[in-house]
Amino acid sequence: MTAVFVDGIGTAAATSGILTQLQGRIFALLYLQASALSLDAIAAELEQSKSNISVTIRGLVEWHLVRRSRVPGSRKDHYEAATDFWRVMQEIMERRFRWNVRQVLVAADEAGRGASGRAADREREQFVAARLLVLRAFFSAIDAGIGAFTQGKPLDPEALRNVVPMISTRLSRRH
């Protein structure tokens, strides 16, 4: 049962774009443990070198998926999986997805500043400006939604769903 879960979470992690397969396997192993495990125990269970586990687990600690814990009487590092999935998802949404969304907004802003001012390019520039406006509106709404999620506030999916049609309608009225 544990091996199936460990391998399944490892596979899911490998396609997530956030974690590696080994990070997923480590998290899954720790999640199904009643107490913290040492690096030696994790390495033995997953048939990996202790140094590989040590390097890999740092990313999990950084993402708040795993935390180092003290075991009385032991000088070794021990680790346990996070169980507060709300907090974990807040961290992932803020640090990973919101960063990506903001990169799109920066690219759109920079592209919007590149108008040539020549009459021959005016129609093309108006088309591009309209497209960038829609893109900015949509990604700004996503950014606001992620912000609300990370602060524990309610999300309004209808507001996001209606952003692009609303902007497109406004643009079509101008022409």
C-alpha atoms as a PDB file:
ATOM      1  CA  MET A   1       0.000   0.000   0.000  1.00  0.00           C
ATOM      2  CA  THR A   2       2.736   2.497   0.943  1.00  0.00           C
ATOM      3  CA  ALA A   3       4.846   1.659  -2.132  1.00  0.00           C
ATOM      4  CA  VAL A   4       1.899   2.252  -4.477  1.00  0.00           C
ATOM      5  CA  PHE A   5       1.197   5.634  -2.898  1.00  0.00           C
ATOM      6  CA  VAL A   6       4.883   6.640  -2.902  1.00  0.00           C
ATOM      7  CA  ASP A   7       5.279   5.748  -6.576  1.00  0.00           C
ATOM      8  CA  GLY A   8       1.968   7.409  -7.523  1.00  0.00           C
ATOM      9  CA  ILE A   9       2.808  10.680  -5.808  1.00  0.00           C
ATOM     10  CA  GLY A  10       6.280  10.549  -7.347  1.00  0.00           C
ATOM     11  CA  THR A  11       4.748  10.233 -10.805  1.00  0.00           C
ATOM     12  CA  ALA A  12       2.309  13.080 -10.133  1.00  0.00           C
ATOM     13  CA  ALA A  13       5.128  15.290  -8.833  1.00  0.00           C
ATOM     14  CA  ALA A  14       7.244  14.627 -11.920  1.00  0.00           C
ATOM     15  CA  THR A  15       4.551  16.141 -14.142  1.00  0.00           C
ATOM     16  CA  SER A  16       3.675  19.019 -11.799  1.00  0.00           C
ATOM     17  CA  GLY A  17       6.387  21.402 -12.901  1.00  0.00           C
ATOM     18  CA  ILE A  18       6.980  22.128  -9.224  1.00  0.00           C
ATOM     19  CA  LEU A  19       8.537  19.016  -7.714  1.00  0.00           C
ATOM     20  CA  THR A  20      10.766  16.255  -8.995  1.00  0.00           C
ATOM     21  CA  GLN A  21       9.739  12.630  -8.906  1.00  0.00           C
ATOM     22  CA  LEU A  22      12.063  11.955  -5.973  1.00  0.00           C
ATOM     23  CA  GLN A  23      10.656  14.925  -4.050  1.00  0.00           C
ATOM     24  CA  GLY A  24       7.178  13.523  -4.555  1.00  0.00           C
ATOM     25  CA  ARG A  25       8.285  10.091  -3.382  1.00  0.00           C
ATOM     26  CA  ILE A  26       9.966  11.536  -0.271  1.00  0.00           C
ATOM     27  CA  PHE A  27       6.882  13.587   0.608  1.00  0.00           C
ATOM     28  CA  ALA A  28       4.572  10.592   0.118  1.00  0.00           C
ATOM     29  CA  LEU A  29       6.768   8.344   2.256  1.00  0.00           C
ATOM     30  CA  LEU A  30       6.896  10.891   5.071  1.00  0.00           C
ATOM     31  CA  TYR A  31       3.180  11.631   4.823  1.00  0.00           C
ATOM     32  CA  LEU A  32       2.314   8.019   5.609  1.00  0.00           C
ATOM     33  CA  GLN A  33       4.592   7.880   8.670  1.00  0.00           C
ATOM     34  CA  ALA A  34       3.338   8.293  12.229  1.00  0.00           C
ATOM     35  CA  SER A  35       6.671   9.810  13.289  1.00  0.00           C
ATOM     36  CA  ALA A  36       9.579  11.663  11.705  1.00  0.00           C
ATOM     37  CA  LEU A  37      12.194   9.702   9.738  1.00  0.00           C
ATOM     38  CA  SER A  38      15.938  10.225   9.570  1.00  0.00           C
ATOM     39  CA  LEU A  39      17.754  10.762   6.284  1.00  0.00           C
ATOM     40  CA  ASP A  40      19.190   7.256   6.684  1.00  0.00           C
ATOM     41  CA  ALA A  41      15.713   5.727   7.003  1.00  0.00           C
ATOM     42  CA  ILE A  42      14.358   7.696   4.031  1.00  0.00           C
ATOM     43  CA  ALA A  43      17.345   6.731   1.890  1.00  0.00           C
ATOM     44  CA  ALA A  44      17.004   3.061   2.812  1.00  0.00           C
ATOM     45  CA  GLU A  45      13.260   2.988   2.184  1.00  0.00           C
ATOM     46  CA  LEU A  46      13.539   4.693  -1.216  1.00  0.00           C
ATOM     47  CA  GLU A  47      16.777   2.907  -2.159  1.00  0.00           C
ATOM     48  CA  GLN A  48      18.626   6.185  -2.726  1.00  0.00           C
ATOM     49  CA  SER A  49      21.912   7.537  -1.409  1.00  0.00           C
ATOM     50  CA  LYS A  50      21.743   9.576   1.766  1.00  0.00           C
ATOM     51  CA  SER A  51      23.437  12.496  -0.026  1.00  0.00           C
ATOM     52  CA  ASN A  52      20.811  12.426  -2.801  1.00  0.00           C
ATOM     53  CA  ILE A  53      18.013  12.441  -0.223  1.00  0.00           C
ATOM     54  CA  SER A  54      19.719  15.259   1.708  1.00  0.00           C
ATOM     55  CA  VAL A  55      20.017  17.474  -1.374  1.00  0.00           C
ATOM     56  CA  THR A  56      16.511  16.656  -2.614  1.00  0.00           C
ATOM     57  CA  ILE A  57      14.759  17.180   0.697  1.00  0.00           C
ATOM     58  CA  ARG A  58      15.975  20.799   0.877  1.00  0.00           C
ATOM     59  CA  GLY A  59      13.533  21.743  -1.876  1.00  0.00           C
ATOM     60  CA  LEU A  60      10.686  20.133   0.047  1.00  0.00           C
ATOM     61  CA  VAL A  61      11.640  22.104   3.150  1.00  0.00           C
ATOM     62  CA  GLU A  62      11.750  25.273   1.049  1.00  0.00           C
ATOM     63  CA  TRP A  63       8.228  24.606  -0.286  1.00  0.00           C
ATOM     64  CA  HIS A  64       7.020  23.908   3.289  1.00  0.00           C
ATOM     65  CA  LEU A  65       6.008  20.389   2.272  1.00  0.00           C
ATOM     66  CA  VAL A  66       8.446  18.838   4.736  1.00  0.00           C
ATOM     67  CA  ARG A  67       9.827  20.154   7.993  1.00  0.00           C
ATOM     68  CA  ARG A  68      12.871  19.211  10.019  1.00  0.00           C
ATOM     69  CA  SER A  69      11.994  17.956  13.472  1.00  0.00           C
ATOM     70  CA  ARG A  70      13.889  17.026  16.587  1.00  0.00           C
ATOM     71  CA  VAL A  71      13.830  13.514  17.939  1.00  0.00           C
ATOM     72  CA  PRO A  72      14.824  13.321  21.613  1.00  0.00           C
ATOM     73  CA  GLY A  73      18.110  11.470  22.094  1.00  0.00           C
ATOM     74  CA  SER A  74      19.149  11.688  18.428  1.00  0.00           C
ATOM     75  CA  ARG A  75      21.610  14.061  16.806  1.00  0.00           C
ATOM     76  CA  LYS A  76      20.466  13.135  13.294  1.00  0.00           C
ATOM     77  CA  ASP A  77      18.172  15.268  11.182  1.00  0.00           C
ATOM     78  CA  HIS A  78      14.640  13.878  11.057  1.00  0.00           C
ATOM     79  CA  TYR A  79      11.835  14.980   8.771  1.00  0.00           C
ATOM     80  CA  GLU A  80       8.064  14.854   8.684  1.00  0.00           C
ATOM     81  CA  ALA A  81       5.544  15.798   6.023  1.00  0.00           C
ATOM     82  CA  ALA A  82       3.324  18.836   6.278  1.00  0.00           C
ATOM     83  CA  THR A  83      -0.322  18.053   6.831  1.00  0.00           C
ATOM     84  CA  ASP A  84      -1.760  21.572   6.484  1.00  0.00           C
ATOM     85  CA  PHE A  85      -2.559  21.379   2.776  1.00  0.00           C
ATOM     86  CA  TRP A  86      -4.228  24.779   2.818  1.00  0.00           C
ATOM     87  CA  ARG A  87      -0.933  26.394   3.865  1.00  0.00           C
ATOM     88  CA  VAL A  88       1.044  24.309   1.369  1.00  0.00           C
ATOM     89  CA  MET A  89      -1.224  25.320  -1.512  1.00  0.00           C
ATOM     90  CA  GLN A  90      -1.092  28.969  -0.451  1.00  0.00           C
ATOM     91  CA  GLU A  91       2.695  28.809  -0.626  1.00  0.00           C
ATOM     92  CA  ILE A  92       2.711  27.074  -4.009  1.00  0.00           C
ATOM     93  CA  MET A  93       0.133  29.444  -5.479  1.00  0.00           C
ATOM     94  CA  GLU A  94       1.971  32.512  -4.250  1.00  0.00           C
ATOM     95  CA  ARG A  95       5.524  31.472  -5.047  1.00  0.00           C
ATOM     96  CA  ARG A  96       5.020  29.546  -8.266  1.00  0.00           C
ATOM     97  CA  PHE A  97       1.844  30.454 -10.097  1.00  0.00           C
ATOM     98  CA  ARG A  98       1.547  34.085  -9.085  1.00  0.00           C
ATOM     99  CA  TRP A  99       5.153  34.670 -10.151  1.00  0.00           C
ATOM    100  CA  ASN A 100       4.362  33.193 -13.585  1.00  0.00           C
ATOM    101  CA  VAL A 101       1.220  35.310 -13.927  1.00  0.00           C
ATOM    102  CA  ARG A 102       3.174  38.435 -13.063  1.00  0.00           C
ATOM    103  CA  GLN A 103       5.786  37.577 -15.692  1.00  0.00           C
ATOM    104  CA  VAL A 104       3.009  37.566 -18.308  1.00  0.00           C
ATOM    105  CA  LEU A 105       1.829  40.975 -17.059  1.00  0.00           C
ATOM    106  CA  VAL A 106       5.353  42.413 -17.253  1.00  0.00           C
ATOM    107  CA  ALA A 107       5.767  41.082 -20.815  1.00  0.00           C
ATOM    108  CA  ALA A 108       2.428  42.607 -21.845  1.00  0.00           C
ATOM    109  CA  ASP A 109       3.344  45.957 -20.278  1.00  0.00           C
ATOM    110  CA  GLU A 110       6.724  46.012 -22.015  1.00  0.00           C
ATOM    111  CA  ALA A 111       5.180  45.049 -25.364  1.00  0.00           C
ATOM    112  CA  GLY A 112       2.599  47.826 -24.962  1.00  0.00           C
ATOM    113  CA  ARG A 113       5.354  50.419 -24.721  1.00  0.00           C
ATOM    114  CA  GLY A 114       6.827  49.451 -28.102  1.00  0.00           C
ATOM    115  CA  ALA A 115       4.606  51.513 -30.418  1.00  0.00           C
ATOM    116  CA  SER A 116       6.453  53.007 -33.402  1.00  0.00           C
ATOM    117  CA  GLY A 117       4.148  56.014 -33.867  1.00  0.00           C
ATOM    118  CA  ARG A 118       4.190  55.676 -37.655  1.00  0.00           C
ATOM    119  CA  ALA A 119       0.858  56.030 -39.447  1.00  0.00           C
ATOM    120  CA  ALA A 120       1.500  52.899 -41.527  1.00  0.00           C
ATOM    121  CA  ASP A 121       1.750  50.811 -38.349  1.00  0.00           C
ATOM    122  CA  ARG A 122      -1.231  52.380 -36.564  1.00  0.00           C
ATOM    123  CA  GLU A 123      -3.833  49.713 -37.442  1.00  0.00           C
ATOM    124  CA  ARG A 124      -1.504  46.869 -36.449  1.00  0.00           C
ATOM    125  CA  GLU A 125      -0.551  48.651 -33.232  1.00  0.00           C
ATOM    126  CA  GLN A 126      -4.215  49.197 -32.346  1.00  0.00           C
ATOM    127  CA  PHE A 127      -4.902  45.498 -32.907  1.00  0.00           C
ATOM    128  CA  VAL A 128      -1.925  44.491 -30.741  1.00  0.00           C
ATOM    129  CA  ALA A 129      -2.877  47.033 -28.052  1.00  0.00           C
ATOM    130  CA  ALA A 130      -6.420  45.608 -27.928  1.00  0.00           C
ATOM    131  CA  ARG A 131      -5.101  42.060 -27.601  1.00  0.00           C
ATOM    132  CA  LEU A 132      -2.686  43.116 -24.855  1.00  0.00           C
ATOM    133  CA  LEU A 133      -5.521  44.864 -23.019  1.00  0.00           C
ATOM    134  CA  VAL A 134      -7.567  41.650 -22.946  1.00  0.00           C
ATOM    135  CA  LEU A 135      -4.556  39.611 -21.874  1.00  0.00           C
ATOM    136  CA  ARG A 136      -3.678  42.087 -19.107  1.00  0.00           C
ATOM    137  CA  ALA A 137      -7.268  42.115 -17.840  1.00  0.00           C
ATOM    138  CA  PHE A 138      -7.446  38.329 -17.727  1.00  0.00           C
ATOM    139  CA  PHE A 139      -4.082  37.823 -16.033  1.00  0.00           C
ATOM    140  CA  SER A 140      -4.733  40.689 -13.611  1.00  0.00           C
ATOM    141  CA  ALA A 141      -7.933  38.918 -12.578  1.00  0.00           C
ATOM    142  CA  ILE A 142      -5.982  35.676 -12.091  1.00  0.00           C
ATOM    143  CA  ASP A 143      -3.378  37.563 -10.054  1.00  0.00           C
ATOM    144  CA  ALA A 144      -6.136  39.024  -7.875  1.00  0.00           C
ATOM    145  CA  GLY A 145      -7.698  35.563  -7.509  1.00  0.00           C
ATOM    146  CA  ILE A 146      -4.414  34.020  -6.406  1.00  0.00           C
ATOM    147  CA  GLY A 147      -3.950  36.912  -3.984  1.00  0.00           C
ATOM    148  CA  ALA A 148      -7.394  36.278  -2.516  1.00  0.00           C
ATOM    149  CA  PHE A 149      -6.701  32.540  -2.240  1.00  0.00           C
ATOM    150  CA  THR A 150      -3.358  33.039  -0.478  1.00  0.00           C
ATOM    151  CA  GLN A 151      -5.041  35.401   1.999  1.00  0.00           C
ATOM    152  CA  GLY A 152      -7.873  32.965   2.663  1.00  0.00           C
ATOM    153  CA  LYS A 153     -10.484  35.168   1.017  1.00  0.00           C
ATOM    154  CA  PRO A 154     -13.307  33.857  -1.173  1.00  0.00           C
ATOM    155  CA  LEU A 155     -12.796  33.594  -4.921  1.00  0.00           C
ATOM    156  CA  ASP A 156     -15.395  34.640  -7.465  1.00  0.00           C
ATOM    157  CA  PRO A 157     -14.954  32.393 -10.513  1.00  0.00           C
ATOM    158  CA  GLU A 158     -17.660  34.309 -12.405  1.00  0.00           C
ATOM    159  CA  ALA A 159     -15.635  37.517 -12.160  1.00  0.00           C
ATOM    160  CA  LEU A 160     -12.679  35.788 -13.808  1.00  0.00           C
ATOM    161  CA  ARG A 161     -14.822  34.016 -16.386  1.00  0.00           C
ATOM    162  CA  ASN A 162     -16.445  37.303 -17.423  1.00  0.00           C
ATOM    163  CA  VAL A 163     -13.269  39.415 -17.737  1.00  0.00           C
ATOM    164  CA  VAL A 164     -12.386  38.561 -21.342  1.00  0.00           C
ATOM    165  CA  PRO A 165     -15.937  38.840 -22.769  1.00  0.00           C
ATOM    166  CA  MET A 166     -16.407  42.150 -20.928  1.00  0.00           C
ATOM    167  CA  ILE A 167     -13.169  43.648 -22.339  1.00  0.00           C
ATOM    168  CA  SER A 168     -13.854  42.250 -25.809  1.00  0.00           C
ATOM    169  CA  THR A 169     -17.326  43.839 -25.784  1.00  0.00           C
ATOM    170  CA  ARG A 170     -15.856  47.196 -24.791  1.00  0.00           C
ATOM    171  CA  LEU A 171     -13.277  46.980 -27.563  1.00  0.00           C
ATOM    172  CA  SER A 172     -15.839  46.099 -30.228  1.00  0.00           C
ATOM    173  CA  ARG A 173     -17.922  49.143 -29.220  1.00  0.00           C
ATOM    174  CA  ARG A 174     -14.937  51.410 -29.923  1.00  0.00           C
ATOM    175  CA  HIS A 175     -14.634  50.290 -33.561  1.00  0.00           C
END
